[in-house]
Amino acid sequence: MTALLPEAAPRAELSLPLVVTSLMRGVVHRESAPEVWRHLCALQPDLRDYVATLGLVAVVDEAEGYAFLRQRPEDPADDGPPLPRLVARRSLSYPVSLLLAVLRRRLALADAGGTRGRLVLSRTDLVELVADLLPDPGRRNRLVEQVDGHIAKVVELGFLRRMPGPDGGFEVRRVLKAFVDAQWLSEFDARLAEYAATQQLQPAVEDLP
């Protein structure tokens, strides 16, 4: 006997304001906000049309289970007045930039190895991932001393999630893939040398949630 598929929710039960306001607050993850995610997936055409009027683009990755809003690139052919930016650009410190880069590379290695589940790293793992890339002992020691602040910043940006328990570690959120792209990752070694020389980042991740 053929199994019956569940019927789609009636449109009257769906809430576009719920979806938009949730996305305005930051990234929506399927696992942490399943009800919002259900509305979001069903209302994607309406969502894209609505946020377009605000100068935004809705990025929805159903396979990875995340969605967020990104500022729409300026169109030189658009003669209208420019819209204010609703998604702020954030300047990232060198240590935070370095941490994001190594997390993205570690996520890519996990995917390439066929491990597409959760990637959870301990604090020690995070320290070692970054410290191994800094040959200068003084710089490495300073980073290790300040690593909790850098980790907290990445958690605030939404790219790491603290796991429950005192030794629960940190889950690398897959939305990181949307902000640190494959091209950026392929140039990782060159960028690392540049970062080491300048101690600054001109981020490829322009619009952070």
Protein backbone atom coordinates (compact mmCIF):
# COMPACT_ATOMS: atom_id res chain seq x y z
CA MET A 1 0.00 0.00 0.00
CA THR A 2 1.35 3.42 -0.95
CA ALA A 3 1.94 5.70 2.03
CA LEU A 4 -0.01 8.93 1.96
CA LEU A 5 2.01 12.13 2.07
CA PRO A 6 1.00 14.69 4.70
CA GLU A 7 -1.04 17.52 3.30
CA ALA A 8 0.57 20.93 3.08
CA ALA A 9 -0.48 23.38 5.75
CA PRO A 10 -3.38 25.61 4.66
CA ARG A 11 -2.10 29.03 3.59
CA ALA A 12 -4.24 30.72 6.24
CA GLU A 13 -2.17 28.97 8.91
CA LEU A 14 1.12 30.37 7.58
CA SER A 15 2.59 33.62 8.86
CA LEU A 16 4.86 35.76 6.71
CA PRO A 17 5.40 38.30 9.56
CA LEU A 18 6.69 35.46 11.76
CA VAL A 19 9.21 34.50 9.08
CA VAL A 20 10.37 38.04 8.30
CA THR A 21 10.76 39.16 11.91
CA SER A 22 12.66 35.97 12.76
CA LEU A 23 15.07 36.54 9.86
CA MET A 24 15.50 40.20 10.82
CA ARG A 25 16.83 38.96 14.17
CA GLY A 26 19.45 36.73 12.54
CA VAL A 27 19.99 33.32 10.96
CA VAL A 28 17.09 30.87 11.23
CA HIS A 29 18.16 27.25 11.73
CA ARG A 30 15.82 24.36 10.97
CA GLU A 31 16.81 22.39 14.06
CA SER A 32 16.47 25.23 16.56
CA ALA A 33 13.35 26.88 15.10
CA PRO A 34 11.35 24.10 13.40
CA GLU A 35 8.03 25.97 13.45
CA VAL A 36 9.50 29.10 11.87
CA TRP A 37 11.32 26.88 9.37
CA ARG A 38 8.03 25.23 8.35
CA HIS A 39 6.45 28.60 7.63
CA LEU A 40 9.59 29.84 5.88
CA CYS A 41 9.84 26.93 3.44
CA ALA A 42 6.18 27.20 2.48
CA LEU A 43 6.32 30.97 1.98
CA GLN A 44 9.59 31.37 0.08
CA PRO A 45 8.13 33.19 -2.98
CA ASP A 46 6.24 35.63 -0.73
CA LEU A 47 9.31 36.09 1.45
CA ARG A 48 11.59 36.89 -1.48
CA ASP A 49 9.10 39.38 -2.94
CA TYR A 50 8.61 41.13 0.41
CA VAL A 51 12.26 41.48 1.41
CA ALA A 52 13.15 42.65 -2.11
CA THR A 53 11.16 45.81 -1.40
CA LEU A 54 13.54 46.41 1.51
CA GLY A 55 16.66 45.94 -0.59
CA LEU A 56 17.34 42.47 0.82
CA VAL A 57 17.79 38.97 -0.57
CA ALA A 58 16.57 35.86 1.26
CA VAL A 59 19.16 33.07 1.23
CA VAL A 60 17.54 29.70 2.02
CA ASP A 61 19.49 26.44 2.02
CA GLU A 62 16.98 23.68 2.62
CA ALA A 63 19.61 20.93 2.38
CA GLU A 64 21.79 22.43 5.12
CA GLY A 65 18.85 23.79 7.11
CA TYR A 66 19.51 27.53 7.45
CA ALA A 67 18.22 30.81 6.09
CA PHE A 68 19.27 34.44 6.44
CA LEU A 69 18.88 37.87 4.85
CA ARG A 70 21.62 39.47 2.78
CA GLN A 71 21.85 43.01 1.47
CA ARG A 72 21.02 43.15 -2.23
CA PRO A 73 24.00 44.30 -4.35
CA GLU A 74 23.63 47.80 -5.70
CA ASP A 75 22.50 47.96 -9.31
CA PRO A 76 24.19 50.78 -11.31
CA ALA A 77 21.15 50.81 -13.61
CA ASP A 78 18.83 51.64 -10.72
CA ASP A 79 18.03 55.37 -10.88
CA GLY A 80 16.06 55.44 -7.64
CA PRO A 81 17.43 56.73 -4.33
CA PRO A 82 19.66 54.20 -2.54
CA LEU A 83 18.02 52.29 0.28
CA PRO A 84 19.58 52.36 3.77
CA ARG A 85 21.53 49.23 4.66
CA LEU A 86 19.55 46.94 6.93
CA VAL A 87 22.31 44.32 7.19
CA ALA A 88 25.38 45.89 8.74
CA ARG A 89 28.91 45.19 7.63
CA ARG A 90 31.14 44.15 10.50
CA SER A 91 34.88 44.56 10.71
CA LEU A 92 36.52 41.43 12.09
CA SER A 93 39.73 41.30 14.11
CA TYR A 94 42.66 39.24 12.87
CA PRO A 95 42.20 36.42 15.45
CA VAL A 96 38.46 36.13 14.79
CA SER A 97 39.08 36.11 11.03
CA LEU A 98 41.69 33.41 11.45
CA LEU A 99 39.36 31.34 13.61
CA LEU A 100 36.57 31.59 11.01
CA ALA A 101 38.98 30.52 8.27
CA VAL A 102 40.24 27.43 10.08
CA LEU A 103 36.69 26.45 11.09
CA ARG A 104 35.59 26.69 7.46
CA ARG A 105 38.52 24.57 6.34
CA ARG A 106 37.83 22.01 9.06
CA LEU A 107 34.17 21.86 7.97
CA ALA A 108 35.24 21.31 4.36
CA LEU A 109 37.58 18.48 5.42
CA ALA A 110 34.79 16.84 7.40
CA ASP A 111 32.45 17.03 4.39
CA ALA A 112 35.13 15.68 2.06
CA GLY A 113 35.65 12.76 4.44
CA GLY A 114 31.98 11.86 4.26
CA THR A 115 31.18 13.16 7.76
CA ARG A 116 28.22 15.45 7.12
CA GLY A 117 26.77 15.33 10.61
CA ARG A 118 27.53 17.77 13.38
CA LEU A 119 31.09 18.98 13.69
CA VAL A 120 31.79 19.51 17.40
CA LEU A 121 35.15 20.79 18.61
CA SER A 122 36.43 21.29 22.13
CA ARG A 123 38.07 24.49 23.36
CA THR A 124 41.42 22.71 23.14
CA ASP A 125 40.70 21.78 19.52
CA LEU A 126 39.96 25.41 18.69
CA VAL A 127 43.15 26.63 20.36
CA GLU A 128 45.28 24.09 18.52
CA LEU A 129 43.68 24.80 15.14
CA VAL A 130 44.65 28.45 15.35
CA ALA A 131 47.91 28.27 17.34
CA ASP A 132 49.46 25.81 14.88
CA LEU A 133 49.24 28.46 12.16
CA LEU A 134 51.17 31.10 14.10
CA PRO A 135 54.91 30.38 14.12
CA ASP A 136 55.68 33.40 16.31
CA PRO A 137 55.60 32.06 19.93
CA GLY A 138 54.76 35.47 21.35
CA ARG A 139 51.81 35.97 19.05
CA ARG A 140 50.64 32.41 19.63
CA ASN A 141 50.76 32.79 23.40
CA ARG A 142 48.81 36.04 23.28
CA LEU A 143 46.14 34.39 21.14
CA VAL A 144 45.83 31.44 23.52
CA GLU A 145 45.44 33.79 26.46
CA GLN A 146 42.63 35.66 24.69
CA VAL A 147 41.02 32.70 22.89
CA ASP A 148 37.86 32.64 25.02
CA GLY A 149 37.02 36.18 23.89
CA HIS A 150 37.56 35.26 20.25
CA ILE A 151 35.42 32.13 20.60
CA ALA A 152 32.69 34.18 22.27
CA LYS A 153 32.71 36.59 19.30
CA VAL A 154 32.30 33.71 16.82
CA VAL A 155 29.44 32.36 18.97
CA GLU A 156 27.85 35.84 18.89
CA LEU A 157 28.16 35.92 15.09
CA GLY A 158 26.29 32.61 14.96
CA PHE A 159 29.03 30.43 13.48
CA LEU A 160 29.62 28.41 16.66
CA ARG A 161 27.05 27.07 19.11
CA ARG A 162 27.89 26.13 22.67
CA MET A 163 26.88 22.56 23.41
CA PRO A 164 25.15 21.75 26.73
CA GLY A 165 27.28 20.80 29.72
CA PRO A 166 30.54 22.18 31.15
CA ASP A 167 32.65 20.23 28.64
CA GLY A 168 30.13 20.14 25.81
CA GLY A 169 32.38 21.81 23.26
CA PHE A 170 31.22 23.91 20.31
CA GLU A 171 29.24 22.94 17.24
CA VAL A 172 30.40 24.54 13.98
CA ARG A 173 27.24 25.88 12.33
CA ARG A 174 26.96 25.00 8.67
CA VAL A 175 25.82 28.51 7.76
CA LEU A 176 29.53 29.40 7.92
CA LYS A 177 29.79 27.89 4.42
CA ALA A 178 27.62 30.69 3.04
CA PHE A 179 29.88 33.44 4.37
CA VAL A 180 33.33 31.95 3.87
CA ASP A 181 33.00 30.54 0.37
CA ALA A 182 35.04 27.93 -1.51
CA GLN A 183 37.04 30.51 -3.45
CA TRP A 184 38.01 32.29 -0.25
CA LEU A 185 39.01 28.95 1.24
CA SER A 186 41.12 28.00 -1.79
CA GLU A 187 43.15 31.17 -1.22
CA PHE A 188 43.53 30.43 2.47
CA ASP A 189 47.34 30.14 2.57
CA ALA A 190 47.85 33.39 0.65
CA ARG A 191 45.35 35.19 2.87
CA LEU A 192 46.99 33.79 5.98
CA ALA A 193 50.33 35.23 4.93
CA GLU A 194 48.64 38.55 4.25
CA TYR A 195 46.89 38.52 7.63
CA ALA A 196 50.11 37.70 9.42
CA ALA A 197 51.73 40.72 7.79
CA THR A 198 48.91 43.21 8.23
CA GLN A 199 47.11 41.91 11.36
CA GLN A 200 43.89 43.04 9.66
CA LEU A 201 41.11 41.55 7.52
CA GLN A 202 39.21 42.99 4.60
CA PRO A 203 36.55 40.30 4.86
CA ALA A 204 35.07 38.33 2.01
CA VAL A 205 32.20 37.78 4.41
CA GLU A 206 30.64 41.20 3.85
CA ASP A 207 27.19 40.78 5.32
CA LEU A 208 27.21 39.00 8.65
CA PRO A 209 23.94 38.09 10.35
